[in-house]
Amino acid sequence: MGKLGWAGMRYTVLALLLGGLVISNGLTQEAVPAGESAGPVAEPAAGKDSGKVILTAGTDSVTEGDFEFVMHTLSPQIQQSLSSQGRRPLGEEYAMMLLLSQQAVTHKLDSTEDFRRRMAWQRMQWLAEAEVENIQNQTKISPEEINAYYAAAPEKFEEAQIRQVVVRKKRDGAPQGTPGLPAQEAKARAEAIRAALAGGKDFKAVAGEFEKPNEVLVGTDPRTIRRGLLPAELDTAVFQLKDGELSQPLENEQAFILIQKLGSRRLELKDVEKEIGDVLLRQKVQTSLADLRKQASVWMDEEFFAPPAPANSSAAPQGVTSKSNQ
């Protein structure tokens, strides 16, 4: 569990259980030490409930199958912790949740209109999620579809190895201490670095001469990027470069950027089959949802769902008289 043990997480876990038995990504990432794997997520066991009662709290009993189902709704990290530390911490939280729910029924909190609406909304969400999963499971992607997608847009699967230099700039009138250089100075620095690189200096020598925290960053180690993952103007500039070529200073709102393209290649179909399959699956599911929407009878009150009026709409334009005043 890293720095957060079960004692420290006790009431946090209870709150999360009450919120739907789902541990948020932010908490679970924090709960696992960096570099450690949480391990695979086990699939919920179906139809294997022995009926054995393993916990009672007040008037409620919990079977082994009930408990295993709850276990499988938790994050991989929490499951891993329970595997190493035992199930009792979760059992304690489960018991407390049962006792609180019984108390809520005693106080007739389940009879309020607010509770009824919340239950109906939650049920609707679960059913909608289940139907989307059902659509996904019924949607098939053929090898021919994957091949056709790859052949139709091969440029999507290009990647390049680059080095880059970033010279940060700051806006005119920025407060003292704001990271970066004034625009003209930043441009001049980028041009000086480009001249040094074009003159034969390698990136390590340039880094030693020009790099400065919060102003100039020289990436001496190559990195690989895929087409389409950079902002459009940078993406176009990078993939138009020839192998080994160094760009002119490229400007955006935050910086001047120099890019040297070391090499490029096109990923083979076998390397991107799953990626393409996922894209096609999402497209088909979206199409199914759009078809469902078109085929259904849906009416919305246009007045109620009208876009917000402009902030200054209360002041009628001069020369225009409302009908109520005519």
Protein backbone atom coordinates (compact mmCIF):
# COMPACT_ATOMS: atom_id res chain seq x y z
CA MET A 1 0.00 0.00 0.00
CA GLY A 2 3.02 2.34 0.12
CA LYS A 3 2.61 5.24 2.52
CA LEU A 4 -1.13 4.71 2.94
CA GLY A 5 -1.92 1.72 5.11
CA TRP A 6 -5.38 0.36 5.73
CA ALA A 7 -5.59 2.17 9.06
CA GLY A 8 -5.14 5.49 7.31
CA MET A 9 -7.52 4.58 4.52
CA ARG A 10 -10.28 3.10 6.68
CA TYR A 11 -12.82 5.87 6.46
CA THR A 12 -11.73 6.85 2.97
CA VAL A 13 -12.54 3.34 1.77
CA LEU A 14 -15.87 3.45 3.60
CA ALA A 15 -16.74 6.69 1.84
CA LEU A 16 -15.81 5.15 -1.49
CA LEU A 17 -17.84 2.06 -0.78
CA LEU A 18 -20.83 4.24 0.04
CA GLY A 19 -20.20 6.08 -3.21
CA GLY A 20 -20.55 2.98 -5.35
CA LEU A 21 -17.77 0.52 -4.49
CA VAL A 22 -15.40 2.03 -7.04
CA ILE A 23 -11.99 3.33 -6.04
CA SER A 24 -10.98 6.40 -8.04
CA ASN A 25 -7.87 6.34 -10.23
CA GLY A 26 -6.24 9.19 -8.38
CA LEU A 27 -6.40 7.43 -5.02
CA THR A 28 -5.33 4.06 -6.30
CA GLN A 29 -2.33 5.44 -8.10
CA GLU A 30 -1.23 7.14 -4.93
CA ALA A 31 -1.71 3.94 -2.98
CA VAL A 32 0.83 1.96 -5.00
CA PRO A 33 4.55 2.78 -4.80
CA ALA A 34 6.06 4.09 -8.02
CA GLY A 35 7.36 1.37 -10.27
CA GLU A 36 5.22 -1.38 -8.76
CA SER A 37 2.55 -3.16 -10.77
CA ALA A 38 -0.87 -3.64 -9.29
CA GLY A 39 -1.25 -6.92 -11.15
CA PRO A 40 -4.14 -8.09 -13.31
CA VAL A 41 -7.75 -7.42 -12.44
CA ALA A 42 -9.59 -10.64 -11.71
CA GLU A 43 -12.93 -11.11 -13.42
CA PRO A 44 -15.94 -11.39 -11.10
CA ALA A 45 -16.86 -15.00 -10.40
CA ALA A 46 -20.30 -15.78 -11.80
CA GLY A 47 -22.63 -18.46 -10.51
CA LYS A 48 -20.17 -19.86 -7.97
CA ASP A 49 -21.75 -18.64 -4.75
CA SER A 50 -21.67 -21.53 -2.30
CA GLY A 51 -24.22 -19.75 -0.14
CA LYS A 52 -21.87 -19.93 2.81
CA VAL A 53 -22.48 -16.99 5.19
CA ILE A 54 -19.19 -15.31 6.06
CA LEU A 55 -20.42 -12.13 7.76
CA THR A 56 -23.50 -10.90 9.61
CA ALA A 57 -24.24 -7.33 10.68
CA GLY A 58 -27.50 -6.53 12.40
CA THR A 59 -30.26 -8.14 10.38
CA ASP A 60 -28.19 -8.75 7.24
CA SER A 61 -26.06 -11.70 6.21
CA VAL A 62 -23.32 -11.72 3.59
CA THR A 63 -22.43 -14.84 1.63
CA GLU A 64 -19.04 -15.70 0.21
CA GLY A 65 -20.33 -14.86 -3.28
CA ASP A 66 -21.62 -11.47 -2.13
CA PHE A 67 -18.22 -10.62 -0.67
CA GLU A 68 -16.28 -11.84 -3.73
CA PHE A 69 -18.44 -9.68 -5.97
CA VAL A 70 -17.58 -6.60 -3.88
CA MET A 71 -13.91 -7.58 -3.97
CA HIS A 72 -13.94 -7.60 -7.76
CA THR A 73 -15.49 -4.15 -7.98
CA LEU A 74 -12.49 -2.62 -6.19
CA SER A 75 -9.40 -1.31 -7.92
CA PRO A 76 -6.48 -3.64 -8.77
CA GLN A 77 -4.33 -1.85 -6.18
CA ILE A 78 -6.81 -2.38 -3.36
CA GLN A 79 -7.29 -5.99 -4.43
CA GLN A 80 -3.54 -6.48 -4.27
CA SER A 81 -3.42 -5.00 -0.79
CA LEU A 82 -6.23 -7.26 0.37
CA SER A 83 -4.39 -10.25 -1.05
CA SER A 84 -1.31 -9.44 1.02
CA GLN A 85 -2.95 -8.06 4.18
CA GLY A 86 -6.10 -10.17 4.32
CA ARG A 87 -9.80 -9.48 3.81
CA ARG A 88 -10.70 -8.33 7.30
CA PRO A 89 -10.29 -4.58 6.61
CA LEU A 90 -12.82 -4.80 3.79
CA GLY A 91 -15.05 -7.00 5.94
CA GLU A 92 -15.06 -4.31 8.64
CA GLU A 93 -16.03 -1.65 6.08
CA TYR A 94 -18.71 -3.92 4.61
CA ALA A 95 -20.21 -4.49 8.05
CA MET A 96 -20.25 -0.76 8.80
CA MET A 97 -21.95 -0.06 5.48
CA LEU A 98 -24.65 -2.62 6.27
CA LEU A 99 -25.24 -1.15 9.72
CA LEU A 100 -25.49 2.37 8.33
CA SER A 101 -27.91 1.28 5.60
CA GLN A 102 -30.09 -0.49 8.19
CA GLN A 103 -30.11 2.66 10.31
CA ALA A 104 -31.09 4.71 7.26
CA VAL A 105 -34.07 2.42 6.62
CA THR A 106 -35.09 2.74 10.27
CA HIS A 107 -35.08 6.51 9.83
CA LYS A 108 -37.11 6.07 6.60
CA LEU A 109 -34.43 7.79 4.56
CA ASP A 110 -35.17 5.36 1.72
CA SER A 111 -38.71 6.76 1.46
CA THR A 112 -37.78 10.32 0.55
CA GLU A 113 -38.37 11.71 -2.94
CA ASP A 114 -34.70 12.66 -3.19
CA PHE A 115 -33.60 9.09 -2.44
CA ARG A 116 -36.09 7.66 -4.93
CA ARG A 117 -34.77 9.92 -7.68
CA ARG A 118 -31.18 9.11 -6.85
CA MET A 119 -31.92 5.38 -6.97
CA ALA A 120 -33.73 5.74 -10.29
CA TRP A 121 -30.87 7.77 -11.76
CA GLN A 122 -28.26 5.26 -10.52
CA ARG A 123 -30.26 2.35 -11.92
CA MET A 124 -30.56 4.13 -15.26
CA GLN A 125 -26.78 4.69 -15.38
CA TRP A 126 -26.04 1.04 -14.60
CA LEU A 127 -28.49 -0.16 -17.23
CA ALA A 128 -27.08 2.24 -19.82
CA GLU A 129 -23.53 1.07 -19.08
CA ALA A 130 -24.65 -2.56 -19.29
CA GLU A 131 -26.27 -1.95 -22.69
CA VAL A 132 -23.17 -0.20 -24.05
CA GLU A 133 -21.12 -3.18 -22.90
CA ASN A 134 -23.66 -5.47 -24.57
CA ILE A 135 -23.34 -3.53 -27.84
CA GLN A 136 -19.55 -3.76 -27.62
CA ASN A 137 -19.67 -7.51 -27.04
CA GLN A 138 -21.96 -7.99 -30.06
CA THR A 139 -19.88 -5.78 -32.34
CA LYS A 140 -17.34 -7.68 -34.40
CA ILE A 141 -14.33 -6.28 -36.23
CA SER A 142 -13.05 -8.39 -39.11
CA PRO A 143 -9.42 -8.67 -40.26
CA GLU A 144 -10.57 -7.26 -43.61
CA GLU A 145 -11.85 -4.10 -41.91
CA ILE A 146 -8.57 -3.67 -40.08
CA ASN A 147 -6.57 -4.14 -43.29
CA ALA A 148 -8.77 -1.64 -45.13
CA TYR A 149 -8.39 0.99 -42.38
CA TYR A 150 -4.59 0.59 -42.43
CA ALA A 151 -4.41 0.77 -46.22
CA ALA A 152 -6.68 3.83 -46.43
CA ALA A 153 -4.58 6.05 -44.16
CA PRO A 154 -1.04 4.68 -43.86
CA GLU A 155 0.31 8.11 -42.91
CA LYS A 156 -1.50 7.81 -39.55
CA PHE A 157 0.99 5.14 -38.58
CA GLU A 158 4.19 7.06 -39.26
CA GLU A 159 6.51 7.78 -36.39
CA ALA A 160 9.65 9.86 -36.21
CA GLN A 161 12.63 9.97 -33.91
CA ILE A 162 13.52 13.53 -32.98
CA ARG A 163 15.58 15.77 -30.76
CA GLN A 164 14.23 19.14 -29.81
CA VAL A 165 15.18 22.46 -28.26
CA VAL A 166 12.58 24.60 -26.47
CA VAL A 167 13.19 28.27 -25.76
CA ARG A 168 10.43 29.53 -23.49
CA LYS A 169 9.07 32.99 -23.98
CA LYS A 170 7.00 35.24 -21.75
CA ARG A 171 4.43 37.81 -22.65
CA ASP A 172 5.12 41.53 -22.56
CA GLY A 173 4.57 42.99 -19.13
CA ALA A 174 4.82 39.63 -17.36
CA PRO A 175 5.62 39.90 -13.61
CA GLN A 176 9.23 39.73 -12.45
CA GLY A 177 10.34 36.12 -12.12
CA THR A 178 7.99 34.73 -14.77
CA PRO A 179 9.79 31.83 -16.53
CA GLY A 180 10.99 32.47 -20.06
CA LEU A 181 12.52 35.22 -22.17
CA PRO A 182 10.93 38.22 -23.89
CA ALA A 183 9.73 37.18 -27.35
CA GLN A 184 12.47 38.91 -29.35
CA GLU A 185 15.20 37.62 -27.05
CA ALA A 186 13.74 34.11 -27.16
CA LYS A 187 13.71 34.20 -30.96
CA ALA A 188 17.31 35.41 -31.09
CA ARG A 189 18.36 32.64 -28.68
CA ALA A 190 16.61 30.00 -30.80
CA GLU A 191 18.32 31.29 -33.93
CA ALA A 192 21.72 31.24 -32.19
CA ILE A 193 21.16 27.64 -31.11
CA ARG A 194 20.12 26.67 -34.62
CA ALA A 195 23.26 28.26 -36.03
CA ALA A 196 25.39 26.29 -33.55
CA LEU A 197 23.70 23.01 -34.47
CA ALA A 198 23.84 23.74 -38.20
CA GLY A 199 27.54 24.56 -37.78
CA GLY A 200 28.30 21.06 -36.54
CA LYS A 201 27.95 21.24 -32.76
CA ASP A 202 26.21 18.24 -31.27
CA PHE A 203 23.24 18.50 -28.92
CA LYS A 204 25.29 17.79 -25.78
CA ALA A 205 27.70 20.62 -26.54
CA VAL A 206 24.78 22.94 -27.30
CA ALA A 207 23.10 21.92 -24.04
CA GLY A 208 26.25 22.77 -22.11
CA GLU A 209 26.44 26.19 -23.74
CA PHE A 210 22.82 27.29 -23.93
CA GLU A 211 20.65 25.28 -21.55
CA LYS A 212 19.20 27.26 -18.64
CA PRO A 213 16.41 26.20 -16.26
CA ASN A 214 13.02 27.74 -17.05
CA GLU A 215 14.38 29.35 -20.22
CA VAL A 216 16.11 26.91 -22.56
CA LEU A 217 15.64 23.14 -22.62
CA VAL A 218 17.85 21.06 -24.91
CA GLY A 219 16.68 17.49 -25.39
CA THR A 220 19.89 15.54 -25.91
CA ASP A 221 18.15 12.15 -25.85
CA PRO A 222 16.13 11.18 -28.93
CA ARG A 223 12.43 10.48 -28.47
CA THR A 224 9.87 8.87 -30.71
CA ILE A 225 6.60 10.55 -31.66
CA ARG A 226 3.61 9.41 -33.69
CA ARG A 227 2.04 11.48 -36.43
CA GLY A 228 -1.01 13.33 -35.15
CA LEU A 229 0.04 13.54 -31.50
CA LEU A 230 1.68 16.97 -31.69
CA PRO A 231 -0.17 20.27 -32.22
CA ALA A 232 -1.07 20.54 -35.90
CA GLU A 233 1.55 23.11 -36.89
CA LEU A 234 4.37 21.20 -35.17
CA ASP A 235 3.14 17.87 -36.49
CA THR A 236 3.19 19.14 -40.07
CA ALA A 237 6.64 20.68 -39.65
CA VAL A 238 8.18 17.53 -38.14
CA PHE A 239 6.88 15.11 -40.74
CA GLN A 240 7.83 17.39 -43.62
CA LEU A 241 11.48 17.34 -42.51
CA LYS A 242 13.87 14.95 -44.20
CA ASP A 243 15.79 12.49 -42.06
CA GLY A 244 18.65 14.36 -40.39
CA GLU A 245 17.19 17.80 -41.20
CA LEU A 246 16.92 20.59 -38.62
CA SER A 247 13.85 22.84 -38.62
CA GLN A 248 13.77 26.60 -38.52
CA PRO A 249 12.60 28.04 -35.17
CA LEU A 250 8.91 27.15 -34.86
CA GLU A 251 6.84 29.53 -32.75
CA ASN A 252 3.78 28.90 -30.64
CA GLU A 253 2.27 30.83 -27.74
CA GLN A 254 4.69 29.47 -25.17
CA ALA A 255 8.00 29.01 -26.95
CA PHE A 256 10.26 28.84 -29.96
CA ILE A 257 11.03 25.23 -30.84
CA LEU A 258 13.78 23.64 -32.89
CA ILE A 259 13.35 20.05 -34.06
CA GLN A 260 15.86 17.74 -35.65
CA LYS A 261 14.35 14.70 -37.32
CA LEU A 262 16.75 11.80 -36.91
CA GLY A 263 14.73 9.21 -38.78
CA SER A 264 11.25 7.92 -39.48
CA ARG A 265 9.39 4.73 -40.23
CA ARG A 266 5.90 3.43 -40.83
CA LEU A 267 4.58 0.97 -38.27
CA GLU A 268 3.66 -2.42 -39.69
CA LEU A 269 0.10 -3.65 -39.62
CA LYS A 270 0.91 -6.30 -36.99
CA ASP A 271 2.09 -3.54 -34.64
CA VAL A 272 -1.16 -1.59 -34.82
CA GLU A 273 -3.84 -4.25 -35.32
CA LYS A 274 -5.21 -3.89 -31.80
CA GLU A 275 -5.11 -0.09 -31.97
CA ILE A 276 -7.05 -0.10 -35.23
CA GLY A 277 -9.50 -2.66 -33.86
CA ASP A 278 -10.19 -0.41 -30.87
CA VAL A 279 -10.75 2.60 -33.14
CA LEU A 280 -13.16 0.67 -35.35
CA LEU A 281 -14.99 -0.70 -32.33
CA ARG A 282 -15.51 2.80 -30.93
CA GLN A 283 -16.74 4.00 -34.32
CA LYS A 284 -19.22 1.15 -34.65
CA VAL A 285 -20.51 1.61 -31.10
CA GLN A 286 -20.97 5.34 -31.72
CA THR A 287 -22.86 4.53 -34.91
CA SER A 288 -25.10 2.12 -33.01
CA LEU A 289 -25.82 4.77 -30.40
CA ALA A 290 -26.57 7.35 -33.10
CA ASP A 291 -28.93 4.91 -34.83
CA LEU A 292 -30.70 4.24 -31.54
CA ARG A 293 -31.16 7.97 -31.06
CA LYS A 294 -32.55 8.42 -34.58
CA GLN A 295 -34.99 5.52 -34.28
CA ALA A 296 -36.31 6.53 -30.87
CA SER A 297 -39.02 9.06 -30.15
CA VAL A 298 -37.32 11.84 -28.20
CA TRP A 299 -38.87 15.24 -27.51
CA MET A 300 -37.23 18.12 -25.68
CA ASP A 301 -38.81 21.37 -24.59
CA GLU A 302 -36.93 23.89 -26.73
CA GLU A 303 -37.63 26.75 -24.35
CA PHE A 304 -36.36 24.83 -21.33
CA PHE A 305 -33.26 23.59 -23.16
CA ALA A 306 -32.53 26.85 -25.00
CA PRO A 307 -28.90 28.04 -24.81
CA PRO A 308 -28.13 30.65 -22.14
CA ALA A 309 -28.88 34.22 -23.13
CA PRO A 310 -25.89 36.56 -23.60
CA ALA A 311 -24.78 38.29 -20.43
CA ASN A 312 -25.92 41.70 -21.69
CA SER A 313 -29.24 40.47 -23.06
CA SER A 314 -31.20 42.36 -20.38
CA ALA A 315 -30.41 45.64 -22.11
CA ALA A 316 -32.57 45.93 -25.23
CA PRO A 317 -30.75 47.34 -28.29
CA GLN A 318 -31.62 50.96 -29.08
CA GLY A 319 -34.25 51.34 -31.75
CA VAL A 320 -35.85 47.94 -31.00
CA THR A 321 -39.19 47.84 -29.21
CA SER A 322 -40.52 44.64 -27.70
CA LYS A 323 -43.95 43.45 -28.82
CA SER A 324 -45.30 43.87 -25.31
CA ASN A 325 -44.69 47.62 -25.55
CA GLN A 326 -46.22 48.08 -28.98
